[in-house]
Amino acid sequence: MNDMKNELKEKIKQYSNKEYLEGYIKNEFLTDDGDADIYIRLKNREDLFDERTSEKQLELRKDIYNFIDDKASILDNDVQINFHIRGLDITEREQGRAKHIIKEHYAIELYKVQRKYQNHKNKIVRLFAIGFLFLLLYGVTYYLTKSQFLLEVFGFLFSFSLWQAFEKLLYTLNTIKSDINAVAQKLLINVEFK
């Protein structure tokens, strides 16, 4: 049992090593000019386009986006991605349509993430406003009535509102900014058919 635990610890140490992971990314994805190449091999048109869609609502299969998202997730957000689709015999028009669909998909994703960012910014402003309102009520109560119950209620509400606002400001907005950068990277993806 201890041998297995020790072996497991060694494997975790080996594969979570920063140099190993950077070497893997460099060897697997990065080119000499700093771009990243992602390759996918498809056999036929149905592997690319969702068979349930057509015409103006033509959509790619969800596993194509999942593949891109999975590979891009280990890259830095400032790396240009070249997405190579191989083995697929489709017309130039369909290639152009596929490129447009990928851009459109990530443009919509970017819009969603930006809207989420704006909603959280609005919540932060409201929480700060509510917090300062309760701080003002706390001060008025302290000087006018000195009601211990109201002081505690207003103090708690003031503290809670500001705590929530700072938490969202420090953690949530940074996470969403990172998401925006990741989606923007995929929006700028260069798609090539070979």
C-alpha atoms as a PDB file:
ATOM      1  CA  MET A   1       0.000   0.000   0.000  1.00  0.00           C
ATOM      2  CA  ASN A   2       2.815   2.411   0.903  1.00  0.00           C
ATOM      3  CA  ASP A   3       4.609   1.552  -2.377  1.00  0.00           C
ATOM      4  CA  MET A   4       1.543   2.603  -4.343  1.00  0.00           C
ATOM      5  CA  LYS A   5       1.194   5.839  -2.351  1.00  0.00           C
ATOM      6  CA  ASN A   6       4.871   6.647  -2.895  1.00  0.00           C
ATOM      7  CA  GLU A   7       4.607   5.889  -6.611  1.00  0.00           C
ATOM      8  CA  LEU A   8       1.489   8.051  -6.831  1.00  0.00           C
ATOM      9  CA  LYS A   9       3.268  10.921  -5.077  1.00  0.00           C
ATOM     10  CA  GLU A  10       6.212  10.610  -7.477  1.00  0.00           C
ATOM     11  CA  LYS A  11       3.913  10.693 -10.527  1.00  0.00           C
ATOM     12  CA  ILE A  12       2.069  13.721  -9.172  1.00  0.00           C
ATOM     13  CA  LYS A  13       5.388  15.452  -8.515  1.00  0.00           C
ATOM     14  CA  GLN A  14       6.685  14.553 -11.994  1.00  0.00           C
ATOM     15  CA  TYR A  15       3.617  15.600 -13.976  1.00  0.00           C
ATOM     16  CA  SER A  16       2.703  18.684 -11.957  1.00  0.00           C
ATOM     17  CA  ASN A  17       6.227  19.996 -12.295  1.00  0.00           C
ATOM     18  CA  LYS A  18       6.182  23.460 -13.930  1.00  0.00           C
ATOM     19  CA  GLU A  19       9.122  22.692 -16.233  1.00  0.00           C
ATOM     20  CA  TYR A  20       7.484  19.477 -17.433  1.00  0.00           C
ATOM     21  CA  LEU A  21       4.199  21.247 -18.191  1.00  0.00           C
ATOM     22  CA  GLU A  22       5.904  24.159 -19.950  1.00  0.00           C
ATOM     23  CA  GLY A  23       7.942  21.681 -22.000  1.00  0.00           C
ATOM     24  CA  TYR A  24       4.797  19.762 -22.916  1.00  0.00           C
ATOM     25  CA  ILE A  25       3.021  22.923 -24.064  1.00  0.00           C
ATOM     26  CA  LYS A  26       6.081  24.074 -26.009  1.00  0.00           C
ATOM     27  CA  ASN A  27       6.559  20.724 -27.748  1.00  0.00           C
ATOM     28  CA  GLU A  28       2.874  20.043 -28.419  1.00  0.00           C
ATOM     29  CA  PHE A  29       1.509  23.439 -29.368  1.00  0.00           C
ATOM     30  CA  LEU A  30       3.928  26.336 -29.701  1.00  0.00           C
ATOM     31  CA  THR A  31       5.626  27.241 -32.962  1.00  0.00           C
ATOM     32  CA  ASP A  32       8.909  29.122 -33.395  1.00  0.00           C
ATOM     33  CA  ASP A  33       7.073  32.415 -33.850  1.00  0.00           C
ATOM     34  CA  GLY A  34       5.154  32.014 -30.564  1.00  0.00           C
ATOM     35  CA  ASP A  35       1.806  30.982 -32.050  1.00  0.00           C
ATOM     36  CA  ALA A  36       0.062  27.775 -31.042  1.00  0.00           C
ATOM     37  CA  ASP A  37      -1.057  25.092 -33.484  1.00  0.00           C
ATOM     38  CA  ILE A  38      -4.047  22.903 -32.713  1.00  0.00           C
ATOM     39  CA  TYR A  39      -4.802  20.060 -35.101  1.00  0.00           C
ATOM     40  CA  ILE A  40      -7.964  18.060 -35.585  1.00  0.00           C
ATOM     41  CA  ARG A  41      -8.649  15.326 -38.136  1.00  0.00           C
ATOM     42  CA  LEU A  42     -12.183  14.935 -39.421  1.00  0.00           C
ATOM     43  CA  LYS A  43     -13.411  12.267 -41.843  1.00  0.00           C
ATOM     44  CA  ASN A  44     -16.459  13.879 -43.385  1.00  0.00           C
ATOM     45  CA  ARG A  45     -18.721  16.925 -43.410  1.00  0.00           C
ATOM     46  CA  GLU A  46     -20.952  15.475 -40.662  1.00  0.00           C
ATOM     47  CA  ASP A  47     -17.976  15.470 -38.277  1.00  0.00           C
ATOM     48  CA  LEU A  48     -17.815  19.266 -38.630  1.00  0.00           C
ATOM     49  CA  PHE A  49     -21.379  20.510 -39.051  1.00  0.00           C
ATOM     50  CA  ASP A  50     -24.246  19.661 -36.726  1.00  0.00           C
ATOM     51  CA  GLU A  51     -26.605  17.548 -38.828  1.00  0.00           C
ATOM     52  CA  ARG A  52     -29.654  19.063 -37.117  1.00  0.00           C
ATOM     53  CA  THR A  53     -28.892  22.539 -38.501  1.00  0.00           C
ATOM     54  CA  SER A  54     -28.968  24.025 -41.993  1.00  0.00           C
ATOM     55  CA  GLU A  55     -28.944  27.201 -44.075  1.00  0.00           C
ATOM     56  CA  LYS A  56     -28.454  30.426 -42.090  1.00  0.00           C
ATOM     57  CA  GLN A  57     -28.660  28.557 -38.779  1.00  0.00           C
ATOM     58  CA  LEU A  58     -25.904  26.108 -39.703  1.00  0.00           C
ATOM     59  CA  GLU A  59     -23.866  25.308 -36.609  1.00  0.00           C
ATOM     60  CA  LEU A  60     -20.744  23.308 -35.878  1.00  0.00           C
ATOM     61  CA  ARG A  61     -20.873  20.235 -33.718  1.00  0.00           C
ATOM     62  CA  LYS A  62     -20.480  21.005 -30.026  1.00  0.00           C
ATOM     63  CA  ASP A  63     -17.501  18.668 -29.722  1.00  0.00           C
ATOM     64  CA  ILE A  64     -15.550  20.958 -32.096  1.00  0.00           C
ATOM     65  CA  TYR A  65     -15.968  23.847 -29.646  1.00  0.00           C
ATOM     66  CA  ASN A  66     -15.203  21.532 -26.725  1.00  0.00           C
ATOM     67  CA  PHE A  67     -12.023  20.425 -28.491  1.00  0.00           C
ATOM     68  CA  ILE A  68     -10.919  24.033 -29.080  1.00  0.00           C
ATOM     69  CA  ASP A  69     -11.802  25.061 -25.515  1.00  0.00           C
ATOM     70  CA  ASP A  70      -9.979  22.078 -24.036  1.00  0.00           C
ATOM     71  CA  LYS A  71      -6.772  22.662 -25.997  1.00  0.00           C
ATOM     72  CA  ALA A  72      -6.832  26.452 -25.570  1.00  0.00           C
ATOM     73  CA  SER A  73      -7.372  26.178 -21.809  1.00  0.00           C
ATOM     74  CA  ILE A  74      -3.747  25.179 -21.210  1.00  0.00           C
ATOM     75  CA  LEU A  75      -2.351  28.044 -23.295  1.00  0.00           C
ATOM     76  CA  ASP A  76      -1.704  31.575 -22.107  1.00  0.00           C
ATOM     77  CA  ASN A  77      -4.431  33.990 -23.192  1.00  0.00           C
ATOM     78  CA  ASP A  78      -2.037  36.097 -25.254  1.00  0.00           C
ATOM     79  CA  VAL A  79      -1.028  33.290 -27.635  1.00  0.00           C
ATOM     80  CA  GLN A  80      -2.389  33.373 -31.197  1.00  0.00           C
ATOM     81  CA  ILE A  81      -4.081  30.049 -32.004  1.00  0.00           C
ATOM     82  CA  ASN A  82      -3.943  28.440 -35.440  1.00  0.00           C
ATOM     83  CA  PHE A  83      -6.650  25.776 -35.685  1.00  0.00           C
ATOM     84  CA  HIS A  84      -5.887  23.249 -38.435  1.00  0.00           C
ATOM     85  CA  ILE A  85      -8.735  21.073 -39.693  1.00  0.00           C
ATOM     86  CA  ARG A  86      -7.344  18.146 -41.676  1.00  0.00           C
ATOM     87  CA  GLY A  87      -8.721  15.322 -43.761  1.00  0.00           C
ATOM     88  CA  LEU A  88     -11.974  17.052 -44.642  1.00  0.00           C
ATOM     89  CA  ASP A  89     -13.039  17.518 -48.259  1.00  0.00           C
ATOM     90  CA  ILE A  90     -15.474  20.427 -48.336  1.00  0.00           C
ATOM     91  CA  THR A  91     -15.955  23.349 -50.700  1.00  0.00           C
ATOM     92  CA  GLU A  92     -14.328  26.763 -50.285  1.00  0.00           C
ATOM     93  CA  ARG A  93     -17.781  28.175 -49.517  1.00  0.00           C
ATOM     94  CA  GLU A  94     -18.298  25.648 -46.698  1.00  0.00           C
ATOM     95  CA  GLN A  95     -14.816  26.395 -45.364  1.00  0.00           C
ATOM     96  CA  GLY A  96     -15.638  30.091 -45.275  1.00  0.00           C
ATOM     97  CA  ARG A  97     -18.954  29.321 -43.600  1.00  0.00           C
ATOM     98  CA  ALA A  98     -17.228  27.176 -40.947  1.00  0.00           C
ATOM     99  CA  LYS A  99     -14.716  29.964 -40.222  1.00  0.00           C
ATOM    100  CA  HIS A 100     -17.551  32.460 -39.904  1.00  0.00           C
ATOM    101  CA  ILE A 101     -19.512  30.145 -37.579  1.00  0.00           C
ATOM    102  CA  ILE A 102     -16.503  29.748 -35.277  1.00  0.00           C
ATOM    103  CA  LYS A 103     -15.998  33.543 -35.114  1.00  0.00           C
ATOM    104  CA  GLU A 104     -19.721  34.071 -34.569  1.00  0.00           C
ATOM    105  CA  HIS A 105     -19.837  31.463 -31.781  1.00  0.00           C
ATOM    106  CA  TYR A 106     -16.982  33.072 -29.854  1.00  0.00           C
ATOM    107  CA  ALA A 107     -18.330  36.582 -30.498  1.00  0.00           C
ATOM    108  CA  ILE A 108     -21.582  35.503 -28.831  1.00  0.00           C
ATOM    109  CA  GLU A 109     -19.636  33.906 -25.965  1.00  0.00           C
ATOM    110  CA  LEU A 110     -17.653  37.123 -25.530  1.00  0.00           C
ATOM    111  CA  TYR A 111     -20.870  39.138 -25.446  1.00  0.00           C
ATOM    112  CA  LYS A 112     -22.260  36.838 -22.727  1.00  0.00           C
ATOM    113  CA  VAL A 113     -19.135  37.095 -20.594  1.00  0.00           C
ATOM    114  CA  GLN A 114     -18.972  40.880 -21.010  1.00  0.00           C
ATOM    115  CA  ARG A 115     -22.628  41.155 -19.997  1.00  0.00           C
ATOM    116  CA  LYS A 116     -21.891  39.024 -16.937  1.00  0.00           C
ATOM    117  CA  TYR A 117     -18.964  41.331 -16.123  1.00  0.00           C
ATOM    118  CA  GLN A 118     -21.186  44.400 -16.411  1.00  0.00           C
ATOM    119  CA  ASN A 119     -23.879  42.799 -14.224  1.00  0.00           C
ATOM    120  CA  HIS A 120     -21.316  42.102 -11.508  1.00  0.00           C
ATOM    121  CA  LYS A 121     -19.962  45.655 -11.734  1.00  0.00           C
ATOM    122  CA  ASN A 122     -23.523  46.951 -11.263  1.00  0.00           C
ATOM    123  CA  LYS A 123     -23.987  44.669  -8.241  1.00  0.00           C
ATOM    124  CA  ILE A 124     -20.766  45.983  -6.724  1.00  0.00           C
ATOM    125  CA  VAL A 125     -21.927  49.580  -7.126  1.00  0.00           C
ATOM    126  CA  ARG A 126     -25.291  48.739  -5.530  1.00  0.00           C
ATOM    127  CA  LEU A 127     -23.614  46.885  -2.651  1.00  0.00           C
ATOM    128  CA  PHE A 128     -21.303  49.838  -1.980  1.00  0.00           C
ATOM    129  CA  ALA A 129     -24.271  52.223  -2.098  1.00  0.00           C
ATOM    130  CA  ILE A 130     -26.275  50.034   0.286  1.00  0.00           C
ATOM    131  CA  GLY A 131     -23.257  49.675   2.571  1.00  0.00           C
ATOM    132  CA  PHE A 132     -22.696  53.407   2.782  1.00  0.00           C
ATOM    133  CA  LEU A 133     -26.428  53.996   3.291  1.00  0.00           C
ATOM    134  CA  PHE A 134     -26.346  51.675   6.307  1.00  0.00           C
ATOM    135  CA  LEU A 135     -23.166  53.376   7.514  1.00  0.00           C
ATOM    136  CA  LEU A 136     -25.000  56.693   7.357  1.00  0.00           C
ATOM    137  CA  LEU A 137     -27.983  55.171   9.206  1.00  0.00           C
ATOM    138  CA  TYR A 138     -25.576  53.747  11.774  1.00  0.00           C
ATOM    139  CA  GLY A 139     -24.073  57.209  12.351  1.00  0.00           C
ATOM    140  CA  VAL A 140     -27.481  58.902  12.576  1.00  0.00           C
ATOM    141  CA  THR A 141     -28.734  56.239  14.996  1.00  0.00           C
ATOM    142  CA  TYR A 142     -25.600  56.537  17.112  1.00  0.00           C
ATOM    143  CA  TYR A 143     -25.921  60.308  17.502  1.00  0.00           C
ATOM    144  CA  LEU A 144     -29.713  60.557  17.779  1.00  0.00           C
ATOM    145  CA  THR A 145     -31.172  57.482  19.451  1.00  0.00           C
ATOM    146  CA  LYS A 146     -28.269  55.316  20.607  1.00  0.00           C
ATOM    147  CA  SER A 147     -30.545  52.283  20.188  1.00  0.00           C
ATOM    148  CA  GLN A 148     -28.260  49.293  20.671  1.00  0.00           C
ATOM    149  CA  PHE A 149     -30.490  47.024  18.567  1.00  0.00           C
ATOM    150  CA  LEU A 150     -30.534  49.412  15.586  1.00  0.00           C
ATOM    151  CA  LEU A 151     -26.803  50.031  15.915  1.00  0.00           C
ATOM    152  CA  GLU A 152     -26.124  46.310  15.693  1.00  0.00           C
ATOM    153  CA  VAL A 153     -28.514  45.795  12.768  1.00  0.00           C
ATOM    154  CA  PHE A 154     -27.112  48.745  10.793  1.00  0.00           C
ATOM    155  CA  GLY A 155     -23.540  47.784  11.678  1.00  0.00           C
ATOM    156  CA  PHE A 156     -24.105  44.236  10.480  1.00  0.00           C
ATOM    157  CA  LEU A 157     -25.800  45.348   7.239  1.00  0.00           C
ATOM    158  CA  PHE A 158     -23.063  47.919   6.578  1.00  0.00           C
ATOM    159  CA  SER A 159     -20.305  45.347   7.150  1.00  0.00           C
ATOM    160  CA  PHE A 160     -22.047  42.626   5.148  1.00  0.00           C
ATOM    161  CA  SER A 161     -22.716  44.876   2.133  1.00  0.00           C
ATOM    162  CA  LEU A 162     -19.180  46.173   1.979  1.00  0.00           C
ATOM    163  CA  TRP A 163     -17.720  42.701   2.514  1.00  0.00           C
ATOM    164  CA  GLN A 164     -19.773  41.337  -0.400  1.00  0.00           C
ATOM    165  CA  ALA A 165     -18.803  44.292  -2.595  1.00  0.00           C
ATOM    166  CA  PHE A 166     -15.084  43.855  -1.898  1.00  0.00           C
ATOM    167  CA  GLU A 167     -15.297  40.093  -2.415  1.00  0.00           C
ATOM    168  CA  LYS A 168     -16.918  40.560  -5.815  1.00  0.00           C
ATOM    169  CA  LEU A 169     -14.451  43.304  -6.682  1.00  0.00           C
ATOM    170  CA  LEU A 170     -11.375  41.286  -5.753  1.00  0.00           C
ATOM    171  CA  TYR A 171     -12.338  37.776  -6.809  1.00  0.00           C
ATOM    172  CA  THR A 172     -15.332  37.621  -9.112  1.00  0.00           C
ATOM    173  CA  LEU A 173     -14.341  40.462 -11.450  1.00  0.00           C
ATOM    174  CA  ASN A 174     -10.801  39.102 -11.830  1.00  0.00           C
ATOM    175  CA  THR A 175     -12.138  35.674 -12.725  1.00  0.00           C
ATOM    176  CA  ILE A 176     -14.523  37.153 -15.278  1.00  0.00           C
ATOM    177  CA  LYS A 177     -11.721  39.311 -16.763  1.00  0.00           C
ATOM    178  CA  SER A 178      -9.706  36.133 -17.232  1.00  0.00           C
ATOM    179  CA  ASP A 179     -12.718  34.519 -18.922  1.00  0.00           C
ATOM    180  CA  ILE A 180     -13.052  37.534 -21.227  1.00  0.00           C
ATOM    181  CA  ASN A 181      -9.400  37.203 -22.257  1.00  0.00           C
ATOM    182  CA  ALA A 182      -9.781  33.468 -22.879  1.00  0.00           C
ATOM    183  CA  VAL A 183     -12.859  33.945 -25.078  1.00  0.00           C
ATOM    184  CA  ALA A 184     -11.248  36.869 -26.922  1.00  0.00           C
ATOM    185  CA  GLN A 185      -8.265  34.630 -27.689  1.00  0.00           C
ATOM    186  CA  LYS A 186     -10.579  32.073 -29.295  1.00  0.00           C
ATOM    187  CA  LEU A 187     -12.427  34.816 -31.167  1.00  0.00           C
ATOM    188  CA  LEU A 188      -9.129  35.696 -32.866  1.00  0.00           C
ATOM    189  CA  ILE A 189      -8.454  32.066 -33.809  1.00  0.00           C
ATOM    190  CA  ASN A 190      -7.019  31.461 -37.274  1.00  0.00           C
ATOM    191  CA  VAL A 191      -8.805  28.509 -38.934  1.00  0.00           C
ATOM    192  CA  GLU A 192      -7.090  26.615 -41.746  1.00  0.00           C
ATOM    193  CA  PHE A 193      -8.307  23.660 -43.792  1.00  0.00           C
ATOM    194  CA  LYS A 194      -5.843  21.189 -45.288  1.00  0.00           C
END
